[in-house]
Each structure stands twice: as structure tokens, then as C-alpha cells.
C-alpha atoms as a PDB file:
ATOM      1  CA  MET A   1      52.515 -44.661  15.630  1.00  0.00           C
ATOM      2  CA  GLY A   2      55.351 -41.897  14.705  1.00  0.00           C
ATOM      3  CA  GLY A   3      53.222 -41.034  11.505  1.00  0.00           C
ATOM      4  CA  GLY A   4      50.093 -40.270  13.436  1.00  0.00           C
ATOM      5  CA  LEU A   5      51.845 -38.013  15.843  1.00  0.00           C
ATOM      6  CA  ALA A   6      53.141 -36.182  12.798  1.00  0.00           C
ATOM      7  CA  THR A   7      49.619 -35.956  11.146  1.00  0.00           C
ATOM      8  CA  PHE A   8      48.731 -34.614  14.536  1.00  0.00           C
ATOM      9  CA  VAL A   9      51.267 -31.932  14.921  1.00  0.00           C
ATOM     10  CA  ILE A  10      50.622 -30.725  11.377  1.00  0.00           C
ATOM     11  CA  ALA A  11      46.692 -30.703  11.585  1.00  0.00           C
ATOM     12  CA  LEU A  12      47.454 -28.783  14.879  1.00  0.00           C
ATOM     13  CA  LEU A  13      49.532 -25.880  12.950  1.00  0.00           C
ATOM     14  CA  ILE A  14      47.206 -25.700  10.368  1.00  0.00           C
ATOM     15  CA  PHE A  15      44.103 -25.105  12.886  1.00  0.00           C
ATOM     16  CA  HIS A  16      46.886 -22.530  14.636  1.00  0.00           C
ATOM     17  CA  ALA A  17      47.209 -20.619  11.352  1.00  0.00           C
ATOM     18  CA  GLY A  18      43.148 -20.409  10.379  1.00  0.00           C
ATOM     19  CA  PHE A  19      42.926 -19.216  13.460  1.00  0.00           C
ATOM     20  CA  VAL A  20      45.422 -16.790  13.967  1.00  0.00           C
ATOM     21  CA  ALA A  21      44.043 -15.693  10.370  1.00  0.00           C
ATOM     22  CA  GLY A  22      40.706 -15.524  11.650  1.00  0.00           C
ATOM     23  CA  SER A  23      41.034 -13.512  14.172  1.00  0.00           C
ATOM     24  CA  ARG A  24      42.476 -10.645  12.514  1.00  0.00           C
ATOM     25  CA  ARG A  25      40.384  -7.245  11.796  1.00  0.00           C
ATOM     26  CA  PHE A  26      38.893  -7.625   8.549  1.00  0.00           C
ATOM     27  CA  GLU A  27      39.952  -4.806   6.004  1.00  0.00           C
ATOM     28  CA  PRO A  28      37.932  -5.057   2.648  1.00  0.00           C
ATOM     29  CA  ALA A  29      40.184  -4.717  -0.388  1.00  0.00           C
ATOM     30  CA  GLY A  30      39.756  -2.008  -2.813  1.00  0.00           C
ATOM     31  CA  ARG A  31      38.190   1.703  -2.424  1.00  0.00           C
ATOM     32  CA  GLY A  32      36.946   3.126   1.188  1.00  0.00           C
ATOM     33  CA  PRO A  33      35.612   6.290   2.262  1.00  0.00           C
ATOM     34  CA  HIS A  34      39.197   7.368   2.959  1.00  0.00           C
ATOM     35  CA  GLU A  35      40.148   6.959  -0.233  1.00  0.00           C
ATOM     36  CA  PHE A  36      38.068   9.380  -1.120  1.00  0.00           C
ATOM     37  CA  GLY A  37      38.832  12.077   1.326  1.00  0.00           C
ATOM     38  CA  LEU A  38      35.795  11.939   3.148  1.00  0.00           C
ATOM     39  CA  GLN A  39      36.085  13.197   6.638  1.00  0.00           C
ATOM     40  CA  PHE A  40      32.570  13.199   8.153  1.00  0.00           C
ATOM     41  CA  PRO A  41      32.424  14.853  12.073  1.00  0.00           C
ATOM     42  CA  HIS A  42      31.493  11.930  14.827  1.00  0.00           C
ATOM     43  CA  GLY A  43      28.067  11.346  14.597  1.00  0.00           C
ATOM     44  CA  PHE A  44      27.307  12.953  11.333  1.00  0.00           C
ATOM     45  CA  VAL A  45      25.728   9.757   9.548  1.00  0.00           C
ATOM     46  CA  ALA A  46      23.753   8.326  12.617  1.00  0.00           C
ATOM     47  CA  GLY A  47      20.510   7.958  11.553  1.00  0.00           C
ATOM     48  CA  GLY A  48      21.443   8.888   8.190  1.00  0.00           C
ATOM     49  CA  HIS A  49      20.879   7.591   4.801  1.00  0.00           C
ATOM     50  CA  GLY A  50      22.358   7.652   1.398  1.00  0.00           C
ATOM     51  CA  ALA A  51      22.849   6.679  -2.008  1.00  0.00           C
ATOM     52  CA  VAL A  52      25.624   5.522  -4.442  1.00  0.00           C
ATOM     53  CA  GLY A  53      25.615   5.753  -8.198  1.00  0.00           C
ATOM     54  CA  THR A  54      25.489   7.311 -11.310  1.00  0.00           C
ATOM     55  CA  ILE A  55      23.673  10.819 -12.002  1.00  0.00           C
ATOM     56  CA  ASP A  56      20.759   9.880 -14.686  1.00  0.00           C
ATOM     57  CA  ASN A  57      19.326  13.340 -14.562  1.00  0.00           C
ATOM     58  CA  TRP A  58      19.236  17.094 -12.693  1.00  0.00           C
ATOM     59  CA  VAL A  59      16.740  19.174 -12.929  1.00  0.00           C
ATOM     60  CA  PRO A  60      16.595  22.076 -10.108  1.00  0.00           C
ATOM     61  CA  PRO A  61      16.148  21.069  -7.108  1.00  0.00           C
ATOM     62  CA  THR A  62      15.343  17.429  -7.991  1.00  0.00           C
ATOM     63  CA  LEU A  63      18.342  14.890  -9.137  1.00  0.00           C
ATOM     64  CA  THR A  64      17.956  11.270 -10.276  1.00  0.00           C
ATOM     65  CA  LEU A  65      20.451   8.346 -10.087  1.00  0.00           C
ATOM     66  CA  THR A  66      20.676   4.419 -10.853  1.00  0.00           C
ATOM     67  CA  THR A  67      22.371   3.447  -7.804  1.00  0.00           C
ATOM     68  CA  ARG A  68      25.373   0.711  -8.151  1.00  0.00           C
ATOM     69  CA  GLY A  69      22.413  -1.994  -7.400  1.00  0.00           C
ATOM     70  CA  GLY A  70      20.239  -0.411 -10.662  1.00  0.00           C
ATOM     71  CA  ASP A  71      17.814   0.573  -8.364  1.00  0.00           C
ATOM     72  CA  LYS A  72      16.839   4.592  -9.021  1.00  0.00           C
ATOM     73  CA  GLU A  73      16.593   7.243  -6.589  1.00  0.00           C
ATOM     74  CA  THR A  74      15.506  10.460  -6.542  1.00  0.00           C
ATOM     75  CA  VAL A  75      17.344  13.294  -4.294  1.00  0.00           C
ATOM     76  CA  LEU A  76      16.115  16.357  -3.028  1.00  0.00           C
ATOM     77  CA  VAL A  77      19.072  19.021  -3.394  1.00  0.00           C
ATOM     78  CA  GLY A  78      18.579  21.886  -1.146  1.00  0.00           C
ATOM     79  CA  THR A  79      20.222  25.326  -0.674  1.00  0.00           C
ATOM     80  CA  THR A  80      21.717  23.639   2.151  1.00  0.00           C
ATOM     81  CA  THR A  81      23.382  20.915   0.638  1.00  0.00           C
ATOM     82  CA  ARG A  82      26.993  20.575   0.191  1.00  0.00           C
ATOM     83  CA  ILE A  83      28.609  19.322  -2.371  1.00  0.00           C
ATOM     84  CA  GLU A  84      32.372  18.367  -2.163  1.00  0.00           C
ATOM     85  CA  PRO A  85      35.182  18.316  -2.808  1.00  0.00           C
ATOM     86  CA  PRO A  86      35.352  21.886  -1.206  1.00  0.00           C
ATOM     87  CA  GLY A  87      35.030  24.452  -4.136  1.00  0.00           C
ATOM     88  CA  ALA A  88      32.705  21.807  -6.293  1.00  0.00           C
ATOM     89  CA  THR A  89      29.245  23.436  -7.428  1.00  0.00           C
ATOM     90  CA  SER A  90      25.858  22.134  -9.167  1.00  0.00           C
ATOM     91  CA  THR A  91      27.421  22.525 -12.479  1.00  0.00           C
ATOM     92  CA  LEU A  92      29.515  19.117 -11.418  1.00  0.00           C
ATOM     93  CA  LEU A  93      25.921  17.357 -11.318  1.00  0.00           C
ATOM     94  CA  VAL A  94      25.925  15.926 -14.634  1.00  0.00           C
ATOM     95  CA  PRO A  95      24.312  12.900 -16.283  1.00  0.00           C
ATOM     96  CA  GLY A  96      26.748   9.990 -16.034  1.00  0.00           C
ATOM     97  CA  ALA A  97      28.635  11.558 -12.744  1.00  0.00           C
ATOM     98  CA  ARG A  98      29.327   9.188 -10.231  1.00  0.00           C
ATOM     99  CA  VAL A  99      28.383  10.601  -6.538  1.00  0.00           C
ATOM    100  CA  ILE A 100      28.084   9.324  -2.924  1.00  0.00           C
ATOM    101  CA  ILE A 101      24.673  11.404  -1.131  1.00  0.00           C
ATOM    102  CA  ILE A 102      24.236  11.511   2.467  1.00  0.00           C
ATOM    103  CA  GLY A 103      21.093  12.735   3.408  1.00  0.00           C
ATOM    104  CA  THR A 104      17.813  12.536   5.549  1.00  0.00           C
ATOM    105  CA  PRO A 105      14.534  10.154   3.675  1.00  0.00           C
ATOM    106  CA  ASP A 106      12.097  12.372   2.979  1.00  0.00           C
ATOM    107  CA  THR A 107       8.362  11.809   1.085  1.00  0.00           C
ATOM    108  CA  ASP A 108       9.591  12.915  -2.065  1.00  0.00           C
ATOM    109  CA  GLY A 109      13.085  11.147  -2.381  1.00  0.00           C
ATOM    110  CA  LEU A 110      16.100  11.696   0.062  1.00  0.00           C
ATOM    111  CA  GLN A 111      16.711  15.112   0.794  1.00  0.00           C
ATOM    112  CA  ALA A 112      20.576  15.601   0.266  1.00  0.00           C
ATOM    113  CA  ASN A 113      23.174  16.756   2.869  1.00  0.00           C
ATOM    114  CA  VAL A 114      26.445  16.013   1.369  1.00  0.00           C
ATOM    115  CA  ILE A 115      26.938  15.199  -2.468  1.00  0.00           C
ATOM    116  CA  ARG A 116      30.640  13.742  -2.990  1.00  0.00           C
ATOM    117  CA  MET A 117      31.543  13.670  -6.384  1.00  0.00           C
ATOM    118  CA  LEU A 118      33.808  10.856  -7.230  1.00  0.00           C
ATOM    119  CA  PRO A 119      36.434   9.958  -9.604  1.00  0.00           C
END
């Protein structure tokens, strides 16, 4: 009977450890927006859309990129599009450059509000 009680106590401790670990806040490993210096005003992305990928071609005002999933995305870059980090210009929009784009869907593609250059 002592062995059964010991087994029960060990099982209870394992269950408790799993419960504590599972109730902790999930924090994904790897790079998050904060690691790229992205700081958007509250509500900036509400209802927004975006894309992450590698630039294939840049012929103003149209930028094409391949997303991480392998899809092709057309992005329209306007005069009000902000390119980050501060001081960056459209001269950095070259094939092979990695970007995060936040924008608004348009009939011709994604209208870019912000283009963030990635390292």
C-alpha cells in the first residue's frame, strides 16, 4: 500500500508541475517585433495588413516580394510611405533585401504605409 501512495504523490507532483508550466504566459523563442525596433502607435495596425519577405523587384511605385511562405506579393509604395529605420530611403529597396510591410489592401496589391528594412 505504501508503494501505491508514493506513486500517487509522484503523479500528483508531475501533474502540478505541468499545470504550473502550462499556465505561464507563452513567449515565443526567436525574433519578435521589439528586436527589430518596431514601435507602432497604439491602434496603428488595427484593421491593417502586411507582408514579410524578400524583395524580388522594385520599379517605382511597385515593389514585388516573395513572402516567407513562398507567395508573391505586389506592394504599392506611395509618397507617404515611411521607410524605416529612420533615415532609410527607397535606395535600400533592392532585390534580396528583407522587409516587413504594414499597409492597406488595394485592388492592385498592398498599399504600403510602413516598410521596415530587416537585418
